[in-house]
Amino acid sequence: MAALYGAMFLSAFLAATVLPVSSEVVLAGLIVSGRGDPWLLLVVATIGNTLGSVVNWVLGRGIDGLHNRRWFPVATDRYEQACRTFRRFGEWTLLFAWLPVVGDALTLAAGAARVNLGVFVALVATGKAARYAVIVAGGLWATA
């Protein structure tokens, strides 16, 4: 059973990076198949995905010397768009860090903007938990 939660954590962590991993599919599959406790899966997925975003925040802290490198995980135009959005709407944009494409860039922008790590984690985790809660609820509804 620990391997199941470990796999959920790993998929959620990696999904917060630019790797093509879909933690939503993993979570929904586990819920629909009845494997694992749904609410524990939600917690594990939220923690893993939030910690993956913390990695992005750390990268954002040193982005000035990194973002023009070929291997950097976010395209320059996407990063600049995220910075504009972040400057316009502020820390509250982190509630949407779960969004595909722009979410990773927002977490990088937050690191570059030196957002307090506690505030960052609280906002990112809230948004990601809400998204996972919808997936869990949908999976439980589908199997009812």
C-alpha atoms as a PDB file:
ATOM      1  CA  MET A   1       0.000   0.000   0.000  1.00  0.00           C
ATOM      2  CA  ALA A   2       2.904   2.373   0.676  1.00  0.00           C
ATOM      3  CA  ALA A   3       4.002   1.950  -2.950  1.00  0.00           C
ATOM      4  CA  LEU A   4       0.592   3.160  -4.109  1.00  0.00           C
ATOM      5  CA  TYR A   5       0.871   6.382  -2.110  1.00  0.00           C
ATOM      6  CA  GLY A   6       4.510   6.737  -3.134  1.00  0.00           C
ATOM      7  CA  ALA A   7       3.506   6.487  -6.792  1.00  0.00           C
ATOM      8  CA  MET A   8       0.805   9.119  -6.238  1.00  0.00           C
ATOM      9  CA  PHE A   9       3.313  11.413  -4.522  1.00  0.00           C
ATOM     10  CA  LEU A  10       5.895  10.961  -7.283  1.00  0.00           C
ATOM     11  CA  SER A  11       3.431  11.562 -10.104  1.00  0.00           C
ATOM     12  CA  ALA A  12       2.114  14.684  -8.356  1.00  0.00           C
ATOM     13  CA  PHE A  13       5.623  15.969  -7.655  1.00  0.00           C
ATOM     14  CA  LEU A  14       6.764  15.427 -11.239  1.00  0.00           C
ATOM     15  CA  ALA A  15       3.549  16.923 -12.623  1.00  0.00           C
ATOM     16  CA  ALA A  16       4.473  20.229 -10.964  1.00  0.00           C
ATOM     17  CA  THR A  17       7.549  20.333 -13.185  1.00  0.00           C
ATOM     18  CA  VAL A  18       7.600  20.612 -16.963  1.00  0.00           C
ATOM     19  CA  LEU A  19       7.750  16.847 -17.363  1.00  0.00           C
ATOM     20  CA  PRO A  20       4.727  15.448 -19.193  1.00  0.00           C
ATOM     21  CA  VAL A  21       3.200  13.711 -16.185  1.00  0.00           C
ATOM     22  CA  SER A  22      -0.503  13.844 -15.407  1.00  0.00           C
ATOM     23  CA  SER A  23      -1.154  13.357 -11.729  1.00  0.00           C
ATOM     24  CA  GLU A  24      -4.862  13.947 -12.314  1.00  0.00           C
ATOM     25  CA  VAL A  25      -5.078  10.799 -14.438  1.00  0.00           C
ATOM     26  CA  VAL A  26      -3.199   8.800 -11.799  1.00  0.00           C
ATOM     27  CA  LEU A  27      -5.438  10.099  -9.008  1.00  0.00           C
ATOM     28  CA  ALA A  28      -8.659   9.522 -10.945  1.00  0.00           C
ATOM     29  CA  GLY A  29      -7.520   6.030 -11.906  1.00  0.00           C
ATOM     30  CA  LEU A  30      -6.781   5.116  -8.302  1.00  0.00           C
ATOM     31  CA  ILE A  31     -10.111   6.511  -7.102  1.00  0.00           C
ATOM     32  CA  VAL A  32     -12.183   4.789  -9.788  1.00  0.00           C
ATOM     33  CA  SER A  33     -10.378   1.484  -9.246  1.00  0.00           C
ATOM     34  CA  GLY A  34     -11.010   1.715  -5.491  1.00  0.00           C
ATOM     35  CA  ARG A  35      -7.314   1.558  -4.620  1.00  0.00           C
ATOM     36  CA  GLY A  36      -6.257   3.554  -1.585  1.00  0.00           C
ATOM     37  CA  ASP A  37      -8.137   5.891   0.701  1.00  0.00           C
ATOM     38  CA  PRO A  38      -9.497   8.754  -1.450  1.00  0.00           C
ATOM     39  CA  TRP A  39      -8.869  11.475   1.100  1.00  0.00           C
ATOM     40  CA  LEU A  40      -5.365  10.251   1.890  1.00  0.00           C
ATOM     41  CA  LEU A  41      -4.657  10.180  -1.845  1.00  0.00           C
ATOM     42  CA  LEU A  42      -5.862  13.789  -2.022  1.00  0.00           C
ATOM     43  CA  VAL A  43      -3.486  14.798   0.786  1.00  0.00           C
ATOM     44  CA  VAL A  44      -0.529  12.915  -0.713  1.00  0.00           C
ATOM     45  CA  ALA A  45      -1.181  14.382  -4.178  1.00  0.00           C
ATOM     46  CA  THR A  46      -1.488  17.900  -2.768  1.00  0.00           C
ATOM     47  CA  ILE A  47       1.744  17.605  -0.787  1.00  0.00           C
ATOM     48  CA  GLY A  48       3.661  16.140  -3.724  1.00  0.00           C
ATOM     49  CA  ASN A  49       2.393  18.694  -6.208  1.00  0.00           C
ATOM     50  CA  THR A  50       3.020  21.582  -3.816  1.00  0.00           C
ATOM     51  CA  LEU A  51       6.585  20.419  -3.124  1.00  0.00           C
ATOM     52  CA  GLY A  52       7.181  20.207  -6.867  1.00  0.00           C
ATOM     53  CA  SER A  53       6.070  23.826  -7.102  1.00  0.00           C
ATOM     54  CA  VAL A  54       8.495  24.722  -4.307  1.00  0.00           C
ATOM     55  CA  VAL A  55      11.278  23.422  -6.577  1.00  0.00           C
ATOM     56  CA  ASN A  56      10.043  25.882  -9.209  1.00  0.00           C
ATOM     57  CA  TRP A  57      10.004  28.660  -6.594  1.00  0.00           C
ATOM     58  CA  VAL A  58      13.641  27.860  -5.741  1.00  0.00           C
ATOM     59  CA  LEU A  59      14.553  27.937  -9.443  1.00  0.00           C
ATOM     60  CA  GLY A  60      12.748  31.272  -9.692  1.00  0.00           C
ATOM     61  CA  ARG A  61      14.957  32.698  -6.946  1.00  0.00           C
ATOM     62  CA  GLY A  62      17.950  32.206  -9.243  1.00  0.00           C
ATOM     63  CA  ILE A  63      16.188  32.745 -12.544  1.00  0.00           C
ATOM     64  CA  ASP A  64      18.141  35.789 -13.666  1.00  0.00           C
ATOM     65  CA  GLY A  65      21.093  33.606 -14.544  1.00  0.00           C
ATOM     66  CA  LEU A  66      19.059  30.659 -15.817  1.00  0.00           C
ATOM     67  CA  HIS A  67      16.005  31.592 -17.866  1.00  0.00           C
ATOM     68  CA  ASN A  68      17.862  32.141 -21.135  1.00  0.00           C
ATOM     69  CA  ARG A  69      19.468  28.710 -21.085  1.00  0.00           C
ATOM     70  CA  ARG A  70      18.247  26.136 -23.569  1.00  0.00           C
ATOM     71  CA  TRP A  71      17.572  23.497 -20.911  1.00  0.00           C
ATOM     72  CA  PHE A  72      15.500  25.833 -18.733  1.00  0.00           C
ATOM     73  CA  PRO A  73      12.067  24.252 -18.199  1.00  0.00           C
ATOM     74  CA  VAL A  74       9.895  27.242 -19.170  1.00  0.00           C
ATOM     75  CA  ALA A  75      10.036  29.116 -22.464  1.00  0.00           C
ATOM     76  CA  THR A  76      11.104  32.762 -22.136  1.00  0.00           C
ATOM     77  CA  ASP A  77       7.841  34.117 -23.595  1.00  0.00           C
ATOM     78  CA  ARG A  78       5.741  32.000 -21.212  1.00  0.00           C
ATOM     79  CA  TYR A  79       7.868  33.134 -18.272  1.00  0.00           C
ATOM     80  CA  GLU A  80       7.576  36.809 -19.264  1.00  0.00           C
ATOM     81  CA  GLN A  81       3.790  36.448 -19.636  1.00  0.00           C
ATOM     82  CA  ALA A  82       3.612  34.885 -16.180  1.00  0.00           C
ATOM     83  CA  CYS A  83       5.713  37.716 -14.734  1.00  0.00           C
ATOM     84  CA  ARG A  84       3.336  40.305 -16.230  1.00  0.00           C
ATOM     85  CA  THR A  85       0.335  38.445 -14.834  1.00  0.00           C
ATOM     86  CA  PHE A  86       2.042  38.063 -11.472  1.00  0.00           C
ATOM     87  CA  ARG A  87       2.920  41.764 -11.299  1.00  0.00           C
ATOM     88  CA  ARG A  88      -0.628  42.720 -12.275  1.00  0.00           C
ATOM     89  CA  PHE A  89      -2.559  40.432  -9.914  1.00  0.00           C
ATOM     90  CA  GLY A  90       0.038  39.638  -7.251  1.00  0.00           C
ATOM     91  CA  GLU A  91       0.366  36.657  -4.948  1.00  0.00           C
ATOM     92  CA  TRP A  92      -3.274  35.616  -5.405  1.00  0.00           C
ATOM     93  CA  THR A  93      -2.369  34.261  -8.836  1.00  0.00           C
ATOM     94  CA  LEU A  94      -0.708  31.395  -6.985  1.00  0.00           C
ATOM     95  CA  LEU A  95      -4.160  29.940  -6.331  1.00  0.00           C
ATOM     96  CA  PHE A  96      -4.033  29.073 -10.044  1.00  0.00           C
ATOM     97  CA  ALA A  97      -0.611  27.396  -9.988  1.00  0.00           C
ATOM     98  CA  TRP A  98      -2.398  24.141 -10.885  1.00  0.00           C
ATOM     99  CA  LEU A  99      -3.271  25.409 -14.366  1.00  0.00           C
ATOM    100  CA  PRO A 100      -1.533  23.710 -17.266  1.00  0.00           C
ATOM    101  CA  VAL A 101       1.182  25.704 -19.057  1.00  0.00           C
ATOM    102  CA  VAL A 102       0.996  28.939 -17.055  1.00  0.00           C
ATOM    103  CA  GLY A 103       1.045  27.399 -13.558  1.00  0.00           C
ATOM    104  CA  ASP A 104       4.721  26.430 -13.644  1.00  0.00           C
ATOM    105  CA  ALA A 105       5.650  29.867 -14.928  1.00  0.00           C
ATOM    106  CA  LEU A 106       3.656  31.532 -12.142  1.00  0.00           C
ATOM    107  CA  THR A 107       5.552  29.569  -9.505  1.00  0.00           C
ATOM    108  CA  LEU A 108       8.858  30.568 -11.109  1.00  0.00           C
ATOM    109  CA  ALA A 109       7.738  34.201 -11.211  1.00  0.00           C
ATOM    110  CA  ALA A 110       6.822  34.006  -7.525  1.00  0.00           C
ATOM    111  CA  GLY A 111      10.328  32.832  -6.697  1.00  0.00           C
ATOM    112  CA  ALA A 112      11.850  35.605  -8.800  1.00  0.00           C
ATOM    113  CA  ALA A 113       9.586  38.106  -7.028  1.00  0.00           C
ATOM    114  CA  ARG A 114      10.838  36.783  -3.680  1.00  0.00           C
ATOM    115  CA  VAL A 115       7.363  35.854  -2.422  1.00  0.00           C
ATOM    116  CA  ASN A 116       7.543  34.632   1.158  1.00  0.00           C
ATOM    117  CA  LEU A 117       7.803  30.831   1.110  1.00  0.00           C
ATOM    118  CA  GLY A 118       5.062  30.399   3.736  1.00  0.00           C
ATOM    119  CA  VAL A 119       2.625  32.549   1.753  1.00  0.00           C
ATOM    120  CA  PHE A 120       3.647  30.734  -1.430  1.00  0.00           C
ATOM    121  CA  VAL A 121       3.026  27.274   0.045  1.00  0.00           C
ATOM    122  CA  ALA A 122      -0.315  28.289   1.580  1.00  0.00           C
ATOM    123  CA  LEU A 123      -1.700  29.714  -1.676  1.00  0.00           C
ATOM    124  CA  VAL A 124      -0.305  27.029  -3.980  1.00  0.00           C
ATOM    125  CA  ALA A 125      -1.440  24.186  -1.710  1.00  0.00           C
ATOM    126  CA  THR A 126      -4.935  25.686  -1.426  1.00  0.00           C
ATOM    127  CA  GLY A 127      -5.392  25.854  -5.183  1.00  0.00           C
ATOM    128  CA  LYS A 128      -3.917  22.421  -5.805  1.00  0.00           C
ATOM    129  CA  ALA A 129      -5.966  20.817  -3.006  1.00  0.00           C
ATOM    130  CA  ALA A 130      -9.164  22.312  -4.444  1.00  0.00           C
ATOM    131  CA  ARG A 131      -8.348  20.914  -7.881  1.00  0.00           C
ATOM    132  CA  TYR A 132      -7.583  17.451  -6.474  1.00  0.00           C
ATOM    133  CA  ALA A 133     -10.744  17.558  -4.323  1.00  0.00           C
ATOM    134  CA  VAL A 134     -12.816  18.047  -7.476  1.00  0.00           C
ATOM    135  CA  ILE A 135     -11.085  15.041  -9.069  1.00  0.00           C
ATOM    136  CA  VAL A 136     -11.647  12.875  -5.975  1.00  0.00           C
ATOM    137  CA  ALA A 137     -15.285  13.928  -5.751  1.00  0.00           C
ATOM    138  CA  GLY A 138     -15.790  13.202  -9.445  1.00  0.00           C
ATOM    139  CA  GLY A 139     -14.149   9.808  -9.126  1.00  0.00           C
ATOM    140  CA  LEU A 140     -16.259   8.897  -6.095  1.00  0.00           C
ATOM    141  CA  TRP A 141     -19.407  10.091  -7.863  1.00  0.00           C
ATOM    142  CA  ALA A 142     -18.532   8.025 -10.943  1.00  0.00           C
ATOM    143  CA  THR A 143     -18.164   4.868  -8.857  1.00  0.00           C
ATOM    144  CA  ALA A 144     -21.262   5.403  -6.715  1.00  0.00           C
END
